[in-house]
Amino acid sequence: MSFEAIGKPAHARMIDYFAIWVRSTFLQGPSRRTYTLVGGAVVLWASWPALATIAFPAPPFLVLGCSALVGFIFSYLLAVRQNQTKTFFSVRLRTMVFVAVGLMGNNAFYLAAISRIGPAEANVVHYLWPVFLVALASILHRRSPSLLQTIGIALGFCGVAVALSPQMGTSLDLLGVLLGASGALTFAVYSVGRSFARVETNVVGPSLALAGMGALIAHAVFEPLYWPTSGQWAAIVLMGIGPFTVANIFWDKATRAGSAATISSLAFLTPLVAITLLAVLGLGAVTAATVAGALLAIIGAFLSSRS
């Protein structure tokens, strides 16, 4: 900050500090590609609640199984176009199982939650996973979260409480909240596990075949047989291509190229974008409490990213 800035009003200095932070965090250095990947993943993930709502009431395992197989086919076609078919099928079985369980567990919990507490509310609860990711990263590095990270984590949980406040009392479905939180924890564990990998190949695409077959077997065993409508099929296909495949490929690359804490903080933007899509498309009840909860999560994301 220059000497001339010392005499500026307080609000002007705050704007200058914020501009410097934006330039140093997002526009400089080798991290630019990482933030681009995270941004793409956020936008694509934000479409997931809307697509899942359109696919409802198709059974969760059927939706996940079909969308995963669509994602596998799409990923394979990308590999063919890039002349990487040999590399595509070189992923170790252990890695495929880990990725398949992580992705399918995360999304199965979420789909189960939206039928109990609503898509907008489940979206905010599910995006506790960046909070869990920051906490897990601190535990693995054997250090306590910083003060700003602690405040960010607290604001994330406060955001969930605010989003669910209209349902608190007799109408709050605790099982639905637990399902959403379980999906968040599952994806946080998956992201931490993938952050330790140094494999540069696409592990998501091949793993989707295993995930899809497992989900369809679960559908046949645990759910009534169901044939989706044309609108539900369209939502399933879009899920497979966008939030389920391309978004996770972006995220998989980003978690191996940048700071887990910073990436998870940026991902806090997802619930607000998702809620906006739900409101614009008229899917689900988007209340002022839900929006306020998402905004609290974003404030927590900003504070966490400062550490």
C-alpha atoms as a PDB file:
ATOM      1  CA  MET A   1       0.000   0.000   0.000  1.00  0.00           C
ATOM      2  CA  SER A   2       1.443   3.384  -0.970  1.00  0.00           C
ATOM      3  CA  PHE A   3       1.936   6.356   1.401  1.00  0.00           C
ATOM      4  CA  GLU A   4      -0.755   8.225  -0.498  1.00  0.00           C
ATOM      5  CA  ALA A   5      -3.286   5.579   0.544  1.00  0.00           C
ATOM      6  CA  ILE A   6      -2.766   6.295   4.252  1.00  0.00           C
ATOM      7  CA  GLY A   7      -4.852   9.428   4.012  1.00  0.00           C
ATOM      8  CA  LYS A   8      -7.731   7.673   2.260  1.00  0.00           C
ATOM      9  CA  PRO A   9     -11.048   7.108   4.043  1.00  0.00           C
ATOM     10  CA  ALA A  10     -11.463   3.734   5.778  1.00  0.00           C
ATOM     11  CA  HIS A  11     -13.913   2.376   3.192  1.00  0.00           C
ATOM     12  CA  ALA A  12     -11.547   3.313   0.341  1.00  0.00           C
ATOM     13  CA  ARG A  13      -8.655   1.506   2.038  1.00  0.00           C
ATOM     14  CA  MET A  14     -10.831  -1.578   2.501  1.00  0.00           C
ATOM     15  CA  ILE A  15     -11.645  -1.571  -1.217  1.00  0.00           C
ATOM     16  CA  ASP A  16      -7.934  -1.274  -2.029  1.00  0.00           C
ATOM     17  CA  TYR A  17      -7.073  -4.185   0.257  1.00  0.00           C
ATOM     18  CA  PHE A  18      -9.829  -6.298  -1.296  1.00  0.00           C
ATOM     19  CA  ALA A  19      -8.619  -5.495  -4.816  1.00  0.00           C
ATOM     20  CA  ILE A  20      -5.068  -6.469  -3.886  1.00  0.00           C
ATOM     21  CA  TRP A  21      -6.329  -9.746  -2.392  1.00  0.00           C
ATOM     22  CA  VAL A  22      -8.335 -10.575  -5.525  1.00  0.00           C
ATOM     23  CA  ARG A  23      -5.343  -9.893  -7.798  1.00  0.00           C
ATOM     24  CA  SER A  24      -2.901 -11.874  -5.655  1.00  0.00           C
ATOM     25  CA  THR A  25      -5.268 -14.781  -5.091  1.00  0.00           C
ATOM     26  CA  PHE A  26      -6.969 -15.264  -8.437  1.00  0.00           C
ATOM     27  CA  LEU A  27      -5.081 -13.423 -11.165  1.00  0.00           C
ATOM     28  CA  GLN A  28      -1.421 -14.160 -10.509  1.00  0.00           C
ATOM     29  CA  GLY A  29       0.869 -17.163 -10.446  1.00  0.00           C
ATOM     30  CA  PRO A  30       0.403 -20.809 -11.392  1.00  0.00           C
ATOM     31  CA  SER A  31      -2.885 -21.081  -9.429  1.00  0.00           C
ATOM     32  CA  ARG A  32      -4.921 -19.393 -12.191  1.00  0.00           C
ATOM     33  CA  ARG A  33      -5.639 -22.741 -13.890  1.00  0.00           C
ATOM     34  CA  THR A  34      -6.693 -24.242 -10.546  1.00  0.00           C
ATOM     35  CA  TYR A  35      -9.223 -21.484  -9.915  1.00  0.00           C
ATOM     36  CA  THR A  36     -10.577 -21.855 -13.442  1.00  0.00           C
ATOM     37  CA  LEU A  37     -11.139 -25.561 -12.822  1.00  0.00           C
ATOM     38  CA  VAL A  38     -12.849 -24.884  -9.495  1.00  0.00           C
ATOM     39  CA  GLY A  39     -15.048 -22.197 -11.081  1.00  0.00           C
ATOM     40  CA  GLY A  40     -16.192 -24.589 -13.798  1.00  0.00           C
ATOM     41  CA  ALA A  41     -16.918 -27.286 -11.223  1.00  0.00           C
ATOM     42  CA  VAL A  42     -18.940 -24.832  -9.107  1.00  0.00           C
ATOM     43  CA  VAL A  43     -21.155 -23.760 -12.011  1.00  0.00           C
ATOM     44  CA  LEU A  44     -21.785 -27.337 -13.117  1.00  0.00           C
ATOM     45  CA  TRP A  45     -22.416 -28.594  -9.595  1.00  0.00           C
ATOM     46  CA  ALA A  46     -24.865 -25.754  -9.079  1.00  0.00           C
ATOM     47  CA  SER A  47     -27.095 -27.296 -11.750  1.00  0.00           C
ATOM     48  CA  TRP A  48     -27.296 -30.588  -9.838  1.00  0.00           C
ATOM     49  CA  PRO A  49     -30.122 -29.664  -7.389  1.00  0.00           C
ATOM     50  CA  ALA A  50     -32.307 -28.391 -10.249  1.00  0.00           C
ATOM     51  CA  LEU A  51     -31.674 -31.508 -12.345  1.00  0.00           C
ATOM     52  CA  ALA A  52     -32.226 -33.788  -9.342  1.00  0.00           C
ATOM     53  CA  THR A  53     -35.526 -32.049  -8.612  1.00  0.00           C
ATOM     54  CA  ILE A  54     -36.647 -32.542 -12.216  1.00  0.00           C
ATOM     55  CA  ALA A  55     -35.698 -36.247 -12.021  1.00  0.00           C
ATOM     56  CA  PHE A  56     -37.692 -36.708  -8.781  1.00  0.00           C
ATOM     57  CA  PRO A  57     -39.560 -38.967  -7.883  1.00  0.00           C
ATOM     58  CA  ALA A  58     -37.436 -41.461  -9.840  1.00  0.00           C
ATOM     59  CA  PRO A  59     -35.632 -43.686  -7.273  1.00  0.00           C
ATOM     60  CA  PRO A  60     -32.196 -42.334  -6.220  1.00  0.00           C
ATOM     61  CA  PHE A  61     -30.166 -45.425  -7.145  1.00  0.00           C
ATOM     62  CA  LEU A  62     -31.805 -45.564 -10.573  1.00  0.00           C
ATOM     63  CA  VAL A  63     -31.025 -41.898 -11.204  1.00  0.00           C
ATOM     64  CA  LEU A  64     -27.438 -42.301 -10.018  1.00  0.00           C
ATOM     65  CA  GLY A  65     -26.844 -45.528 -11.924  1.00  0.00           C
ATOM     66  CA  CYS A  66     -28.130 -44.196 -15.239  1.00  0.00           C
ATOM     67  CA  SER A  67     -26.409 -40.817 -14.916  1.00  0.00           C
ATOM     68  CA  ALA A  68     -23.117 -42.506 -13.973  1.00  0.00           C
ATOM     69  CA  LEU A  69     -23.255 -44.745 -17.057  1.00  0.00           C
ATOM     70  CA  VAL A  70     -24.013 -41.706 -19.220  1.00  0.00           C
ATOM     71  CA  GLY A  71     -20.992 -40.040 -17.654  1.00  0.00           C
ATOM     72  CA  PHE A  72     -18.841 -43.085 -18.362  1.00  0.00           C
ATOM     73  CA  ILE A  73     -19.839 -43.121 -22.044  1.00  0.00           C
ATOM     74  CA  PHE A  74     -19.236 -39.373 -22.333  1.00  0.00           C
ATOM     75  CA  SER A  75     -15.819 -39.697 -20.685  1.00  0.00           C
ATOM     76  CA  TYR A  76     -14.868 -42.579 -22.959  1.00  0.00           C
ATOM     77  CA  LEU A  77     -15.814 -40.601 -26.067  1.00  0.00           C
ATOM     78  CA  LEU A  78     -13.605 -37.757 -24.819  1.00  0.00           C
ATOM     79  CA  ALA A  79     -10.745 -40.220 -24.392  1.00  0.00           C
ATOM     80  CA  VAL A  80     -11.258 -41.548 -27.918  1.00  0.00           C
ATOM     81  CA  ARG A  81     -11.188 -38.032 -29.325  1.00  0.00           C
ATOM     82  CA  GLN A  82      -7.936 -37.303 -27.453  1.00  0.00           C
ATOM     83  CA  ASN A  83      -6.375 -40.676 -28.403  1.00  0.00           C
ATOM     84  CA  GLN A  84      -6.155 -41.677 -24.749  1.00  0.00           C
ATOM     85  CA  THR A  85      -8.177 -44.897 -24.712  1.00  0.00           C
ATOM     86  CA  LYS A  86      -5.215 -46.947 -23.461  1.00  0.00           C
ATOM     87  CA  THR A  87      -4.661 -44.542 -20.577  1.00  0.00           C
ATOM     88  CA  PHE A  88      -8.407 -44.408 -19.919  1.00  0.00           C
ATOM     89  CA  PHE A  89      -8.486 -48.100 -18.970  1.00  0.00           C
ATOM     90  CA  SER A  90      -5.207 -48.065 -17.025  1.00  0.00           C
ATOM     91  CA  VAL A  91      -6.732 -46.917 -13.717  1.00  0.00           C
ATOM     92  CA  ARG A  92      -6.110 -49.329 -10.859  1.00  0.00           C
ATOM     93  CA  LEU A  93      -9.127 -51.177  -9.465  1.00  0.00           C
ATOM     94  CA  ARG A  94      -8.444 -49.877  -5.943  1.00  0.00           C
ATOM     95  CA  THR A  95      -8.621 -46.294  -7.196  1.00  0.00           C
ATOM     96  CA  MET A  96     -11.782 -46.988  -9.184  1.00  0.00           C
ATOM     97  CA  VAL A  97     -13.501 -48.461  -6.135  1.00  0.00           C
ATOM     98  CA  PHE A  98     -12.529 -45.459  -3.961  1.00  0.00           C
ATOM     99  CA  VAL A  99     -13.764 -42.939  -6.529  1.00  0.00           C
ATOM    100  CA  ALA A 100     -16.970 -44.882  -7.234  1.00  0.00           C
ATOM    101  CA  VAL A 101     -17.856 -45.177  -3.539  1.00  0.00           C
ATOM    102  CA  GLY A 102     -17.035 -41.524  -2.911  1.00  0.00           C
ATOM    103  CA  LEU A 103     -19.100 -40.147  -5.761  1.00  0.00           C
ATOM    104  CA  MET A 104     -22.061 -42.490  -5.418  1.00  0.00           C
ATOM    105  CA  GLY A 105     -22.238 -42.226  -1.628  1.00  0.00           C
ATOM    106  CA  ASN A 106     -22.134 -38.446  -1.776  1.00  0.00           C
ATOM    107  CA  ASN A 107     -24.883 -38.166  -4.382  1.00  0.00           C
ATOM    108  CA  ALA A 108     -27.078 -40.944  -2.955  1.00  0.00           C
ATOM    109  CA  PHE A 109     -27.181 -39.187   0.417  1.00  0.00           C
ATOM    110  CA  TYR A 110     -28.035 -35.895  -1.277  1.00  0.00           C
ATOM    111  CA  LEU A 111     -30.862 -37.310  -3.403  1.00  0.00           C
ATOM    112  CA  ALA A 112     -32.321 -38.971  -0.324  1.00  0.00           C
ATOM    113  CA  ALA A 113     -32.128 -35.679   1.576  1.00  0.00           C
ATOM    114  CA  ILE A 114     -33.967 -33.529  -0.972  1.00  0.00           C
ATOM    115  CA  SER A 115     -37.109 -35.649  -0.666  1.00  0.00           C
ATOM    116  CA  ARG A 116     -37.209 -35.008   3.091  1.00  0.00           C
ATOM    117  CA  ILE A 117     -36.111 -31.381   3.651  1.00  0.00           C
ATOM    118  CA  GLY A 118     -36.469 -29.834   0.177  1.00  0.00           C
ATOM    119  CA  PRO A 119     -33.918 -29.219  -2.602  1.00  0.00           C
ATOM    120  CA  ALA A 120     -32.827 -25.721  -1.533  1.00  0.00           C
ATOM    121  CA  GLU A 121     -32.366 -26.676   2.122  1.00  0.00           C
ATOM    122  CA  ALA A 122     -30.639 -29.970   1.279  1.00  0.00           C
ATOM    123  CA  ASN A 123     -28.318 -28.018  -1.000  1.00  0.00           C
ATOM    124  CA  VAL A 124     -27.145 -25.784   1.863  1.00  0.00           C
ATOM    125  CA  VAL A 125     -26.715 -28.744   4.253  1.00  0.00           C
ATOM    126  CA  HIS A 126     -24.839 -30.769   1.643  1.00  0.00           C
ATOM    127  CA  TYR A 127     -22.377 -27.954   1.133  1.00  0.00           C
ATOM    128  CA  LEU A 128     -21.066 -28.362   4.630  1.00  0.00           C
ATOM    129  CA  TRP A 129     -18.480 -30.534   2.854  1.00  0.00           C
ATOM    130  CA  PRO A 130     -16.047 -27.622   2.356  1.00  0.00           C
ATOM    131  CA  VAL A 131     -16.220 -27.073   6.142  1.00  0.00           C
ATOM    132  CA  PHE A 132     -15.492 -30.756   6.733  1.00  0.00           C
ATOM    133  CA  LEU A 133     -12.683 -30.610   4.167  1.00  0.00           C
ATOM    134  CA  VAL A 134     -10.951 -27.712   5.935  1.00  0.00           C
ATOM    135  CA  ALA A 135     -11.298 -29.560   9.263  1.00  0.00           C
ATOM    136  CA  LEU A 136      -9.971 -32.825   7.823  1.00  0.00           C
ATOM    137  CA  ALA A 137      -7.043 -31.064   6.164  1.00  0.00           C
ATOM    138  CA  SER A 138      -6.127 -29.458   9.494  1.00  0.00           C
ATOM    139  CA  ILE A 139      -6.295 -32.829  11.267  1.00  0.00           C
ATOM    140  CA  LEU A 140      -4.162 -34.559   8.650  1.00  0.00           C
ATOM    141  CA  HIS A 141      -1.555 -31.794   8.821  1.00  0.00           C
ATOM    142  CA  ARG A 142      -1.665 -32.024  12.640  1.00  0.00           C
ATOM    143  CA  ARG A 143      -2.410 -28.388  13.164  1.00  0.00           C
ATOM    144  CA  SER A 144      -5.364 -26.525  14.583  1.00  0.00           C
ATOM    145  CA  PRO A 145      -7.481 -24.407  12.253  1.00  0.00           C
ATOM    146  CA  SER A 146      -6.507 -20.750  12.304  1.00  0.00           C
ATOM    147  CA  LEU A 147      -8.793 -18.173  13.879  1.00  0.00           C
ATOM    148  CA  LEU A 148     -10.188 -17.150  10.482  1.00  0.00           C
ATOM    149  CA  GLN A 149     -10.742 -20.777   9.484  1.00  0.00           C
ATOM    150  CA  THR A 150     -12.514 -21.424  12.783  1.00  0.00           C
ATOM    151  CA  ILE A 151     -14.787 -18.431  12.220  1.00  0.00           C
ATOM    152  CA  GLY A 152     -15.444 -19.618   8.654  1.00  0.00           C
ATOM    153  CA  ILE A 153     -16.345 -23.117   9.869  1.00  0.00           C
ATOM    154  CA  ALA A 154     -18.672 -21.647  12.502  1.00  0.00           C
ATOM    155  CA  LEU A 155     -20.377 -19.444   9.914  1.00  0.00           C
ATOM    156  CA  GLY A 156     -20.881 -22.474   7.661  1.00  0.00           C
ATOM    157  CA  PHE A 157     -22.834 -24.256  10.387  1.00  0.00           C
ATOM    158  CA  CYS A 158     -24.684 -21.043  11.232  1.00  0.00           C
ATOM    159  CA  GLY A 159     -25.702 -20.804   7.592  1.00  0.00           C
ATOM    160  CA  VAL A 160     -27.205 -24.291   7.753  1.00  0.00           C
ATOM    161  CA  ALA A 161     -29.078 -23.399  10.942  1.00  0.00           C
ATOM    162  CA  VAL A 162     -30.483 -20.231   9.350  1.00  0.00           C
ATOM    163  CA  ALA A 163     -31.501 -22.089   6.168  1.00  0.00           C
ATOM    164  CA  LEU A 164     -33.363 -24.706   8.221  1.00  0.00           C
ATOM    165  CA  SER A 165     -34.865 -22.251  10.732  1.00  0.00           C
ATOM    166  CA  PRO A 166     -38.343 -22.171   9.083  1.00  0.00           C
ATOM    167  CA  GLN A 167     -38.554 -25.957   9.549  1.00  0.00           C
ATOM    168  CA  MET A 168     -37.275 -26.065  13.113  1.00  0.00           C
ATOM    169  CA  GLY A 169     -39.786 -27.433  15.540  1.00  0.00           C
ATOM    170  CA  THR A 170     -42.305 -30.062  14.556  1.00  0.00           C
ATOM    171  CA  SER A 171     -41.635 -29.956  10.783  1.00  0.00           C
ATOM    172  CA  LEU A 172     -37.831 -30.352  10.804  1.00  0.00           C
ATOM    173  CA  ASP A 173     -36.823 -33.765   9.457  1.00  0.00           C
ATOM    174  CA  LEU A 174     -33.679 -34.650  11.393  1.00  0.00           C
ATOM    175  CA  LEU A 175     -33.066 -37.723   9.248  1.00  0.00           C
ATOM    176  CA  GLY A 176     -33.063 -35.532   6.145  1.00  0.00           C
ATOM    177  CA  VAL A 177     -30.518 -33.211   7.772  1.00  0.00           C
ATOM    178  CA  LEU A 178     -28.376 -36.205   8.749  1.00  0.00           C
ATOM    179  CA  LEU A 179     -28.514 -37.563   5.197  1.00  0.00           C
ATOM    180  CA  GLY A 180     -27.392 -34.228   3.774  1.00  0.00           C
ATOM    181  CA  ALA A 181     -24.558 -33.973   6.302  1.00  0.00           C
ATOM    182  CA  SER A 182     -23.508 -37.571   5.590  1.00  0.00           C
ATOM    183  CA  GLY A 183     -23.213 -36.742   1.899  1.00  0.00           C
ATOM    184  CA  ALA A 184     -21.112 -33.702   2.798  1.00  0.00           C
ATOM    185  CA  LEU A 185     -18.756 -35.767   4.960  1.00  0.00           C
ATOM    186  CA  THR A 186     -18.474 -38.470   2.290  1.00  0.00           C
ATOM    187  CA  PHE A 187     -17.421 -35.974  -0.365  1.00  0.00           C
ATOM    188  CA  ALA A 188     -14.976 -34.257   1.992  1.00  0.00           C
ATOM    189  CA  VAL A 189     -13.261 -37.584   2.703  1.00  0.00           C
ATOM    190  CA  TYR A 190     -13.216 -38.335  -1.032  1.00  0.00           C
ATOM    191  CA  SER A 191     -11.659 -34.948  -1.830  1.00  0.00           C
ATOM    192  CA  VAL A 192      -8.982 -35.335   0.829  1.00  0.00           C
ATOM    193  CA  GLY A 193      -8.159 -38.806  -0.462  1.00  0.00           C
ATOM    194  CA  ARG A 194      -7.862 -37.584  -4.034  1.00  0.00           C
ATOM    195  CA  SER A 195      -5.679 -34.648  -2.958  1.00  0.00           C
ATOM    196  CA  PHE A 196      -2.968 -37.129  -1.951  1.00  0.00           C
ATOM    197  CA  ALA A 197      -2.956 -38.803  -5.377  1.00  0.00           C
ATOM    198  CA  ARG A 198      -0.377 -37.884  -7.959  1.00  0.00           C
ATOM    199  CA  VAL A 199      -2.023 -39.713 -10.867  1.00  0.00           C
ATOM    200  CA  GLU A 200      -2.587 -37.353 -13.786  1.00  0.00           C
ATOM    201  CA  THR A 201      -4.981 -39.597 -15.704  1.00  0.00           C
ATOM    202  CA  ASN A 202      -8.752 -39.236 -15.647  1.00  0.00           C
ATOM    203  CA  VAL A 203      -9.838 -41.558 -12.842  1.00  0.00           C
ATOM    204  CA  VAL A 204     -13.414 -40.270 -12.676  1.00  0.00           C
ATOM    205  CA  GLY A 205     -14.561 -41.451 -16.118  1.00  0.00           C
ATOM    206  CA  PRO A 206     -13.534 -45.119 -15.781  1.00  0.00           C
ATOM    207  CA  SER A 207     -14.797 -45.239 -12.195  1.00  0.00           C
ATOM    208  CA  LEU A 208     -18.275 -44.152 -13.300  1.00  0.00           C
ATOM    209  CA  ALA A 209     -18.807 -47.518 -15.005  1.00  0.00           C
ATOM    210  CA  LEU A 210     -18.245 -49.308 -11.707  1.00  0.00           C
ATOM    211  CA  ALA A 211     -20.369 -46.759  -9.842  1.00  0.00           C
ATOM    212  CA  GLY A 212     -23.207 -47.013 -12.358  1.00  0.00           C
ATOM    213  CA  MET A 213     -23.350 -50.796 -12.276  1.00  0.00           C
ATOM    214  CA  GLY A 214     -23.266 -50.802  -8.486  1.00  0.00           C
ATOM    215  CA  ALA A 215     -26.098 -48.264  -8.258  1.00  0.00           C
ATOM    216  CA  LEU A 216     -28.286 -50.150 -10.734  1.00  0.00           C
ATOM    217  CA  ILE A 217     -27.763 -53.369  -8.762  1.00  0.00           C
ATOM    218  CA  ALA A 218     -28.794 -51.491  -5.617  1.00  0.00           C
ATOM    219  CA  HIS A 219     -31.865 -50.186  -7.489  1.00  0.00           C
ATOM    220  CA  ALA A 220     -32.905 -53.718  -8.445  1.00  0.00           C
ATOM    221  CA  VAL A 221     -32.441 -54.984  -4.885  1.00  0.00           C
ATOM    222  CA  PHE A 222     -33.715 -52.109  -2.733  1.00  0.00           C
ATOM    223  CA  GLU A 223     -36.048 -49.999  -4.895  1.00  0.00           C
ATOM    224  CA  PRO A 224     -39.224 -50.655  -6.895  1.00  0.00           C
ATOM    225  CA  LEU A 225     -38.572 -50.914 -10.619  1.00  0.00           C
ATOM    226  CA  TYR A 226     -39.259 -47.601 -12.333  1.00  0.00           C
ATOM    227  CA  TRP A 227     -39.163 -46.259 -15.892  1.00  0.00           C
ATOM    228  CA  PRO A 228     -38.446 -42.497 -16.058  1.00  0.00           C
ATOM    229  CA  THR A 229     -40.461 -40.089 -18.179  1.00  0.00           C
ATOM    230  CA  SER A 230     -38.880 -38.260 -21.111  1.00  0.00           C
ATOM    231  CA  GLY A 231     -38.288 -35.182 -18.948  1.00  0.00           C
ATOM    232  CA  GLN A 232     -36.645 -37.287 -16.248  1.00  0.00           C
ATOM    233  CA  TRP A 233     -34.440 -39.003 -18.849  1.00  0.00           C
ATOM    234  CA  ALA A 234     -33.303 -35.592 -20.107  1.00  0.00           C
ATOM    235  CA  ALA A 235     -32.381 -34.539 -16.563  1.00  0.00           C
ATOM    236  CA  ILE A 236     -30.516 -37.817 -16.002  1.00  0.00           C
ATOM    237  CA  VAL A 237     -28.486 -37.397 -19.205  1.00  0.00           C
ATOM    238  CA  LEU A 238     -27.594 -33.802 -18.324  1.00  0.00           C
ATOM    239  CA  MET A 239     -26.578 -34.939 -14.839  1.00  0.00           C
ATOM    240  CA  GLY A 240     -24.285 -37.545 -16.302  1.00  0.00           C
ATOM    241  CA  ILE A 241     -22.542 -35.102 -18.633  1.00  0.00           C
ATOM    242  CA  GLY A 242     -22.389 -31.942 -16.528  1.00  0.00           C
ATOM    243  CA  PRO A 243     -22.320 -32.068 -12.727  1.00  0.00           C
ATOM    244  CA  PHE A 244     -21.575 -35.782 -12.514  1.00  0.00           C
ATOM    245  CA  THR A 245     -18.734 -36.056 -15.046  1.00  0.00           C
ATOM    246  CA  VAL A 246     -17.192 -32.799 -16.245  1.00  0.00           C
ATOM    247  CA  ALA A 247     -17.544 -31.085 -12.851  1.00  0.00           C
ATOM    248  CA  ASN A 248     -15.880 -33.968 -11.023  1.00  0.00           C
ATOM    249  CA  ILE A 249     -13.090 -34.135 -13.608  1.00  0.00           C
ATOM    250  CA  PHE A 250     -12.461 -30.432 -13.011  1.00  0.00           C
ATOM    251  CA  TRP A 251     -12.521 -30.935  -9.248  1.00  0.00           C
ATOM    252  CA  ASP A 252     -10.306 -34.003  -9.406  1.00  0.00           C
ATOM    253  CA  LYS A 253      -7.643 -31.975 -11.238  1.00  0.00           C
ATOM    254  CA  ALA A 254      -8.026 -28.947  -8.950  1.00  0.00           C
ATOM    255  CA  THR A 255      -7.625 -30.882  -5.684  1.00  0.00           C
ATOM    256  CA  ARG A 256      -4.259 -32.148  -6.911  1.00  0.00           C
ATOM    257  CA  ALA A 257      -3.051 -28.710  -8.000  1.00  0.00           C
ATOM    258  CA  GLY A 258      -4.042 -26.252  -5.291  1.00  0.00           C
ATOM    259  CA  SER A 259      -4.616 -25.630  -1.594  1.00  0.00           C
ATOM    260  CA  ALA A 260      -7.430 -27.794  -0.209  1.00  0.00           C
ATOM    261  CA  ALA A 261      -8.500 -25.061   2.224  1.00  0.00           C
ATOM    262  CA  THR A 262      -8.675 -22.347  -0.456  1.00  0.00           C
ATOM    263  CA  ILE A 263     -10.431 -24.596  -2.975  1.00  0.00           C
ATOM    264  CA  SER A 264     -13.021 -25.673  -0.422  1.00  0.00           C
ATOM    265  CA  SER A 265     -13.640 -22.031   0.495  1.00  0.00           C
ATOM    266  CA  LEU A 266     -14.316 -21.104  -3.143  1.00  0.00           C
ATOM    267  CA  ALA A 267     -16.713 -24.038  -3.397  1.00  0.00           C
ATOM    268  CA  PHE A 268     -18.934 -22.299  -0.834  1.00  0.00           C
ATOM    269  CA  LEU A 269     -20.242 -20.259  -3.768  1.00  0.00           C
ATOM    270  CA  THR A 270     -22.025 -23.338  -5.109  1.00  0.00           C
ATOM    271  CA  PRO A 271     -25.129 -23.259  -2.859  1.00  0.00           C
ATOM    272  CA  LEU A 272     -25.906 -19.643  -3.733  1.00  0.00           C
ATOM    273  CA  VAL A 273     -25.600 -20.338  -7.470  1.00  0.00           C
ATOM    274  CA  ALA A 274     -27.693 -23.483  -7.074  1.00  0.00           C
ATOM    275  CA  ILE A 275     -30.390 -21.659  -5.111  1.00  0.00           C
ATOM    276  CA  THR A 276     -30.495 -18.992  -7.806  1.00  0.00           C
ATOM    277  CA  LEU A 277     -31.080 -21.660 -10.459  1.00  0.00           C
ATOM    278  CA  LEU A 278     -33.831 -23.267  -8.362  1.00  0.00           C
ATOM    279  CA  ALA A 279     -35.550 -19.900  -7.953  1.00  0.00           C
ATOM    280  CA  VAL A 280     -35.241 -18.949 -11.631  1.00  0.00           C
ATOM    281  CA  LEU A 281     -36.568 -22.325 -12.785  1.00  0.00           C
ATOM    282  CA  GLY A 282     -39.339 -22.363 -10.162  1.00  0.00           C
ATOM    283  CA  LEU A 283     -38.132 -25.635  -8.611  1.00  0.00           C
ATOM    284  CA  GLY A 284     -38.694 -25.873  -4.874  1.00  0.00           C
ATOM    285  CA  ALA A 285     -39.415 -23.161  -2.320  1.00  0.00           C
ATOM    286  CA  VAL A 286     -36.527 -20.723  -2.017  1.00  0.00           C
ATOM    287  CA  THR A 287     -37.070 -18.673   1.141  1.00  0.00           C
ATOM    288  CA  ALA A 288     -35.277 -15.634   2.505  1.00  0.00           C
ATOM    289  CA  ALA A 289     -33.856 -17.866   5.248  1.00  0.00           C
ATOM    290  CA  THR A 290     -32.315 -20.190   2.650  1.00  0.00           C
ATOM    291  CA  VAL A 291     -30.676 -17.302   0.829  1.00  0.00           C
ATOM    292  CA  ALA A 292     -29.439 -15.804   4.106  1.00  0.00           C
ATOM    293  CA  GLY A 293     -27.963 -19.172   5.089  1.00  0.00           C
ATOM    294  CA  ALA A 294     -26.129 -19.440   1.785  1.00  0.00           C
ATOM    295  CA  LEU A 295     -24.768 -15.901   2.181  1.00  0.00           C
ATOM    296  CA  LEU A 296     -23.439 -16.733   5.641  1.00  0.00           C
ATOM    297  CA  ALA A 297     -21.641 -19.713   4.121  1.00  0.00           C
ATOM    298  CA  ILE A 298     -20.064 -17.460   1.488  1.00  0.00           C
ATOM    299  CA  ILE A 299     -18.834 -15.029   4.159  1.00  0.00           C
ATOM    300  CA  GLY A 300     -17.314 -17.998   5.943  1.00  0.00           C
ATOM    301  CA  ALA A 301     -15.668 -19.029   2.679  1.00  0.00           C
ATOM    302  CA  PHE A 302     -14.031 -15.626   2.304  1.00  0.00           C
ATOM    303  CA  LEU A 303     -12.676 -15.703   5.848  1.00  0.00           C
ATOM    304  CA  SER A 304     -11.366 -19.261   5.442  1.00  0.00           C
ATOM    305  CA  SER A 305      -9.602 -18.414   2.187  1.00  0.00           C
ATOM    306  CA  ARG A 306      -7.661 -15.652   3.948  1.00  0.00           C
ATOM    307  CA  SER A 307      -5.731 -18.316   5.928  1.00  0.00           C
END
